[in-house]
Amino acid sequence: MSITWGTNETSIYNDIFFLRPHDSPGYLYVSGIMRYKFKVTEDGKPEEEKEEMSFKKLLKSLVTPNPKWTGFMSYENKKGRYVVHSIKNGKRI
């Protein structure tokens, strides 16, 4: 992991950039760290684990290549509760 000061740097996985554009207050950008680990099971296929920042982004990544995607996904939310979502033909049931 490296720390870099810069103005408009592009992120590389597992790097931390402190950005200060136009003398504004500095802010921290951490790249490559996903917030949730989802267990995704598609009908007729084995379970796999995927990492994503949110449920909506995961759903979009599954439905975009296959609009009729059917299966379910589970994860632990920010309050520590176990959540399961069922998806049928690309829409949450």
Protein backbone atom coordinates (compact mmCIF):
# COMPACT_ATOMS: atom_id res chain seq x y z
CA MET A 1 0.00 0.00 0.00
CA SER A 2 1.35 3.42 -0.86
CA ILE A 3 0.36 6.96 0.03
CA THR A 4 0.60 9.67 -2.64
CA TRP A 5 -0.07 13.40 -2.65
CA GLY A 6 -1.43 14.67 -5.92
CA THR A 7 -3.98 16.73 -7.76
CA ASN A 8 -5.86 14.52 -10.20
CA GLU A 9 -4.40 11.04 -9.85
CA THR A 10 -6.08 7.92 -11.14
CA SER A 11 -6.47 5.19 -8.56
CA ILE A 12 -4.67 1.89 -8.54
CA TYR A 13 -6.05 -0.94 -6.44
CA ASN A 14 -4.96 -0.85 -2.77
CA ASP A 15 -3.41 2.62 -3.03
CA ILE A 16 -4.40 5.63 -0.96
CA PHE A 17 -4.41 9.08 -2.51
CA PHE A 18 -4.71 12.38 -0.65
CA LEU A 19 -6.18 14.77 -3.20
CA ARG A 20 -5.99 18.56 -2.89
CA PRO A 21 -7.38 20.17 -6.03
CA HIS A 22 -7.16 23.97 -6.25
CA ASP A 23 -6.07 24.48 -2.62
CA SER A 24 -9.34 23.12 -1.25
CA PRO A 25 -9.35 21.15 2.01
CA GLY A 26 -7.73 17.77 1.51
CA TYR A 27 -9.77 14.60 1.43
CA LEU A 28 -8.92 10.92 1.48
CA TYR A 29 -9.74 8.52 -1.33
CA VAL A 30 -9.19 4.82 -0.73
CA SER A 31 -9.39 2.62 -3.79
CA GLY A 32 -9.80 -1.11 -4.16
CA ILE A 33 -11.68 -1.66 -0.91
CA MET A 34 -15.16 -3.10 -1.31
CA ARG A 35 -17.72 -2.61 1.42
CA TYR A 36 -19.69 -5.87 1.24
CA LYS A 37 -19.02 -9.50 0.40
CA PHE A 38 -22.02 -11.10 -1.29
CA LYS A 39 -22.73 -14.80 -1.70
CA VAL A 40 -24.35 -15.08 -5.12
CA THR A 41 -26.18 -18.20 -6.29
CA GLU A 42 -27.55 -18.39 -9.82
CA ASP A 43 -30.13 -21.07 -10.64
CA GLY A 44 -28.36 -24.28 -11.58
CA LYS A 45 -24.84 -23.01 -10.73
CA PRO A 46 -22.66 -23.26 -7.61
CA GLU A 47 -22.46 -20.42 -5.07
CA GLU A 48 -19.75 -17.80 -5.61
CA GLU A 49 -18.55 -14.87 -3.54
CA LYS A 50 -18.40 -11.37 -5.04
CA GLU A 51 -17.34 -8.05 -3.52
CA GLU A 52 -19.15 -4.81 -4.31
CA MET A 53 -19.87 -1.42 -2.74
CA SER A 54 -23.66 -1.84 -2.66
CA PHE A 55 -26.53 -4.18 -3.45
CA LYS A 56 -27.64 -2.00 -6.38
CA LYS A 57 -24.19 -2.09 -7.99
CA LEU A 58 -24.01 -5.87 -7.62
CA LEU A 59 -27.47 -6.30 -9.11
CA LYS A 60 -26.54 -4.06 -12.04
CA SER A 61 -23.35 -6.04 -12.68
CA LEU A 62 -25.37 -9.28 -12.77
CA VAL A 63 -28.33 -8.03 -14.82
CA THR A 64 -26.47 -5.96 -17.43
CA PRO A 65 -24.89 -8.93 -19.27
CA ASN A 66 -27.96 -11.15 -18.68
CA PRO A 67 -31.25 -9.20 -18.26
CA LYS A 68 -33.18 -12.37 -17.33
CA TRP A 69 -30.78 -13.32 -14.48
CA THR A 70 -32.48 -15.46 -11.80
CA GLY A 71 -31.03 -16.44 -8.43
CA PHE A 72 -30.44 -15.05 -4.97
CA MET A 73 -27.76 -13.19 -3.04
CA SER A 74 -27.01 -12.81 0.65
CA TYR A 75 -24.79 -10.52 2.71
CA GLU A 76 -24.40 -8.90 6.12
CA ASN A 77 -25.57 -5.29 6.12
CA LYS A 78 -24.00 -2.32 7.92
CA LYS A 79 -26.10 -3.02 11.04
CA GLY A 80 -24.81 -6.60 11.21
CA ARG A 81 -28.01 -8.26 10.02
CA TYR A 82 -28.00 -11.09 7.51
CA VAL A 83 -29.97 -10.12 4.38
CA VAL A 84 -31.15 -12.34 1.50
CA HIS A 85 -32.56 -11.00 -1.79
CA SER A 86 -34.28 -13.16 -4.38
CA ILE A 87 -34.04 -12.10 -8.02
CA LYS A 88 -36.31 -13.40 -10.76
CA ASN A 89 -35.89 -12.35 -14.40
CA GLY A 90 -33.63 -9.45 -13.38
CA LYS A 91 -36.01 -7.96 -10.77
CA ARG A 92 -36.10 -8.26 -6.99
CA ILE A 93 -39.04 -10.26 -5.67
